Amino acid sequence: MRALRPHKIIDTLLGLPRRRKFAILAITDSVLLIVCMWAAFATRMGQVWPDIASQFWWLFILAPLTGVVTFIYLGTYRNVMRYLGNDFYTTALKSVSLHVLVLFAITFVTSVQGIPRSLPIIYWLFCMVAILGSRMLASGLFRGYLRSRVEPVITVIFGAGPHGAELAKALETGSSNRVV
């Protein structure tokens, strides 16, 4: 049996067409949102398998649907994972917040009774950790892998104020530059 080689997996992922990468991210986010919903119920109720969660099974279907649509609408999937910057964190914060608002607004408009009032806040916290954490982990893996495969180009930026600092950050997050 052949050993699992992380560099082969990363090479394969980097070589995939854009639509397949989007599909992988959307499926990953869907699974994460379902896990976050379960974790929110479990945390709120203090049980690993809370009985109340079975009453609201439809939330486990609605969460990934509203999440992926919201993430597409606000451009969360447009950010290139290898070059995550401050704009990604702002976009992710807006996307997750809008997703939670839409999801629980639907429950409010449909007059669903019995959902704990603290559930949206707990769910939002878990979603922020899961979505940001997954992106940061993947970004770190990709950047570390790419840096190990490429000899860095030493780059010097002379004076340019805040624009120079922004350029330096963008070059450093890339795989082939070392800003001095």
Protein backbone atom coordinates (compact mmCIF):
# COMPACT_ATOMS: atom_id res chain seq x y z
CA MET A 1 0.00 0.00 0.00
CA ARG A 2 1.34 3.42 -0.96
CA ALA A 3 2.00 5.97 1.74
CA LEU A 4 -0.03 9.16 1.78
CA ARG A 5 2.11 12.02 0.48
CA PRO A 6 0.86 15.47 1.49
CA HIS A 7 2.83 17.20 -1.27
CA LYS A 8 1.02 15.10 -3.89
CA ILE A 9 -2.35 16.05 -2.41
CA ILE A 10 -1.44 19.74 -2.38
CA ASP A 11 -0.10 19.55 -5.96
CA THR A 12 -3.36 17.92 -7.03
CA LEU A 13 -5.47 20.55 -5.24
CA LEU A 14 -3.46 23.42 -6.71
CA GLY A 15 -3.85 21.94 -10.19
CA LEU A 16 -7.63 21.58 -10.02
CA PRO A 17 -9.85 23.85 -12.10
CA ARG A 18 -11.47 26.78 -10.29
CA ARG A 19 -14.95 25.19 -10.25
CA ARG A 20 -13.69 22.05 -8.55
CA LYS A 21 -11.88 24.11 -5.93
CA PHE A 22 -15.11 26.02 -5.34
CA ALA A 23 -17.02 22.73 -4.99
CA ILE A 24 -14.50 21.44 -2.44
CA LEU A 25 -14.77 24.66 -0.42
CA ALA A 26 -18.58 24.64 -0.58
CA ILE A 27 -18.78 21.00 0.55
CA THR A 28 -16.25 21.63 3.33
CA ASP A 29 -18.19 24.70 4.48
CA SER A 30 -21.46 22.75 4.40
CA VAL A 31 -20.03 20.03 6.63
CA LEU A 32 -18.53 22.64 8.96
CA LEU A 33 -21.85 24.51 9.24
CA ILE A 34 -23.70 21.29 10.09
CA VAL A 35 -21.10 20.45 12.73
CA CYS A 36 -21.34 24.00 14.10
CA MET A 37 -25.13 23.70 14.38
CA TRP A 38 -24.80 20.42 16.26
CA ALA A 39 -22.07 21.92 18.49
CA ALA A 40 -24.26 24.94 19.25
CA PHE A 41 -27.17 22.71 20.28
CA ALA A 42 -24.86 20.44 22.29
CA THR A 43 -23.21 23.39 24.05
CA ARG A 44 -26.52 25.08 24.83
CA MET A 45 -28.21 21.93 26.11
CA GLY A 46 -25.16 20.46 27.84
CA GLN A 47 -25.55 17.10 26.10
CA VAL A 48 -23.55 15.46 23.32
CA TRP A 49 -26.75 14.38 21.54
CA PRO A 50 -29.43 16.85 22.64
CA ASP A 51 -33.01 15.64 22.18
CA ILE A 52 -34.16 19.10 21.13
CA ALA A 53 -31.92 18.99 18.03
CA SER A 54 -34.10 16.24 16.51
CA GLN A 55 -37.10 18.62 16.64
CA PHE A 56 -35.18 21.10 14.50
CA TRP A 57 -33.64 18.69 11.98
CA TRP A 58 -34.49 21.12 9.19
CA LEU A 59 -31.97 23.62 10.61
CA PHE A 60 -29.23 21.12 9.79
CA ILE A 61 -30.35 21.25 6.13
CA LEU A 62 -31.07 24.96 6.01
CA ALA A 63 -27.74 25.98 7.60
CA PRO A 64 -25.46 24.84 4.75
CA LEU A 65 -27.91 26.08 2.11
CA THR A 66 -28.12 29.60 3.50
CA GLY A 67 -24.42 29.55 4.38
CA VAL A 68 -23.12 28.70 0.93
CA VAL A 69 -25.52 31.13 -0.76
CA THR A 70 -24.49 33.91 1.63
CA PHE A 71 -20.81 33.14 1.16
CA ILE A 72 -21.22 33.30 -2.62
CA TYR A 73 -23.21 36.53 -2.42
CA LEU A 74 -20.63 38.33 -0.27
CA GLY A 75 -17.60 36.98 -2.14
CA THR A 76 -16.09 34.69 0.48
CA TYR A 77 -15.12 32.18 -2.20
CA ARG A 78 -13.42 34.80 -4.39
CA ASN A 79 -10.44 35.15 -2.06
CA VAL A 80 -7.45 33.11 -3.13
CA MET A 81 -6.58 30.82 -0.25
CA ARG A 82 -2.83 31.20 -0.71
CA TYR A 83 -2.99 34.99 -0.30
CA LEU A 84 -5.45 35.63 2.52
CA GLY A 85 -5.21 39.21 3.72
CA ASN A 86 -7.16 41.51 6.01
CA ASP A 87 -9.95 41.85 3.46
CA PHE A 88 -10.68 38.14 3.79
CA TYR A 89 -11.24 38.39 7.54
CA THR A 90 -13.63 41.30 7.04
CA THR A 91 -15.48 39.40 4.31
CA ALA A 92 -15.67 36.25 6.44
CA LEU A 93 -17.00 38.22 9.42
CA LYS A 94 -19.70 39.79 7.24
CA SER A 95 -20.54 36.49 5.54
CA VAL A 96 -20.90 34.47 8.71
CA SER A 97 -22.85 37.24 10.42
CA LEU A 98 -25.26 37.60 7.50
CA HIS A 99 -25.64 33.82 7.29
CA VAL A 100 -26.61 33.58 10.96
CA LEU A 101 -28.99 36.54 10.64
CA VAL A 102 -30.70 35.06 7.57
CA LEU A 103 -30.91 31.58 9.07
CA PHE A 104 -32.48 32.69 12.33
CA ALA A 105 -34.63 35.35 10.65
CA ILE A 106 -36.22 32.49 8.73
CA THR A 107 -36.99 30.74 12.01
CA PHE A 108 -38.42 33.97 13.41
CA VAL A 109 -40.58 34.74 10.35
CA THR A 110 -41.95 31.19 10.28
CA SER A 111 -42.84 31.50 14.00
CA VAL A 112 -40.89 28.44 15.06
CA GLN A 113 -41.18 27.91 18.81
CA GLY A 114 -38.68 26.25 21.13
CA ILE A 115 -35.33 27.34 19.68
CA PRO A 116 -33.15 28.58 22.55
CA ARG A 117 -32.52 32.34 22.34
CA SER A 118 -28.78 31.89 22.89
CA LEU A 119 -28.43 29.42 20.01
CA PRO A 120 -27.74 32.06 17.30
CA ILE A 121 -24.90 33.59 19.32
CA ILE A 122 -23.32 30.23 20.12
CA TYR A 123 -23.76 29.12 16.49
CA TRP A 124 -22.16 32.37 15.23
CA LEU A 125 -19.13 31.85 17.48
CA PHE A 126 -18.66 28.27 16.33
CA CYS A 127 -19.07 29.31 12.68
CA MET A 128 -16.47 32.06 13.00
CA VAL A 129 -13.96 29.68 14.53
CA ALA A 130 -14.68 26.93 11.99
CA ILE A 131 -14.71 29.05 8.82
CA LEU A 132 -11.76 31.28 9.74
CA GLY A 133 -9.83 28.38 11.25
CA SER A 134 -10.26 26.15 8.22
CA ARG A 135 -9.14 28.93 5.86
CA MET A 136 -6.16 29.86 8.02
CA LEU A 137 -5.09 26.22 8.30
CA ALA A 138 -5.37 25.64 4.56
CA SER A 139 -3.63 28.92 3.77
CA GLY A 140 -0.77 28.08 6.10
CA LEU A 141 -0.37 24.63 4.58
CA PHE A 142 -0.38 25.98 1.04
CA ARG A 143 2.01 28.84 1.80
CA GLY A 144 4.41 26.62 3.72
CA TYR A 145 4.38 24.06 0.93
CA LEU A 146 4.93 26.65 -1.80
CA ARG A 147 7.71 28.38 0.13
CA SER A 148 9.52 25.09 0.58
CA ARG A 149 9.47 24.44 -3.17
CA VAL A 150 10.58 27.84 -4.45
CA GLU A 151 13.82 29.75 -3.90
CA PRO A 152 12.77 33.18 -2.54
CA VAL A 153 13.47 36.34 -4.51
CA ILE A 154 14.88 39.07 -2.30
CA THR A 155 12.80 42.21 -2.80
CA VAL A 156 13.51 45.73 -1.55
CA ILE A 157 10.84 48.43 -1.29
CA PHE A 158 12.02 52.01 -0.86
CA GLY A 159 9.76 54.43 0.92
CA ALA A 160 6.10 54.40 -0.27
CA GLY A 161 4.38 54.93 3.07
CA PRO A 162 1.27 52.90 3.75
CA HIS A 163 1.14 51.72 0.14
CA GLY A 164 4.64 50.30 0.49
CA ALA A 165 3.65 48.50 3.69
CA GLU A 166 0.63 47.01 1.93
CA LEU A 167 2.81 45.92 -0.99
CA ALA A 168 5.32 44.38 1.42
CA LYS A 169 2.58 42.37 3.14
CA ALA A 170 1.22 41.17 -0.21
CA LEU A 171 4.69 40.14 -1.37
CA GLU A 172 5.46 38.34 1.88
CA THR A 173 2.27 36.31 1.75
CA GLY A 174 3.17 35.23 -1.75
CA SER A 175 5.32 32.18 -2.21
CA SER A 176 8.38 33.53 -4.00
CA ASN A 177 9.36 36.83 -2.32
CA ARG A 178 11.33 37.76 0.77
CA VAL A 179 10.97 41.44 1.56
CA VAL A 180 13.96 43.05 3.27
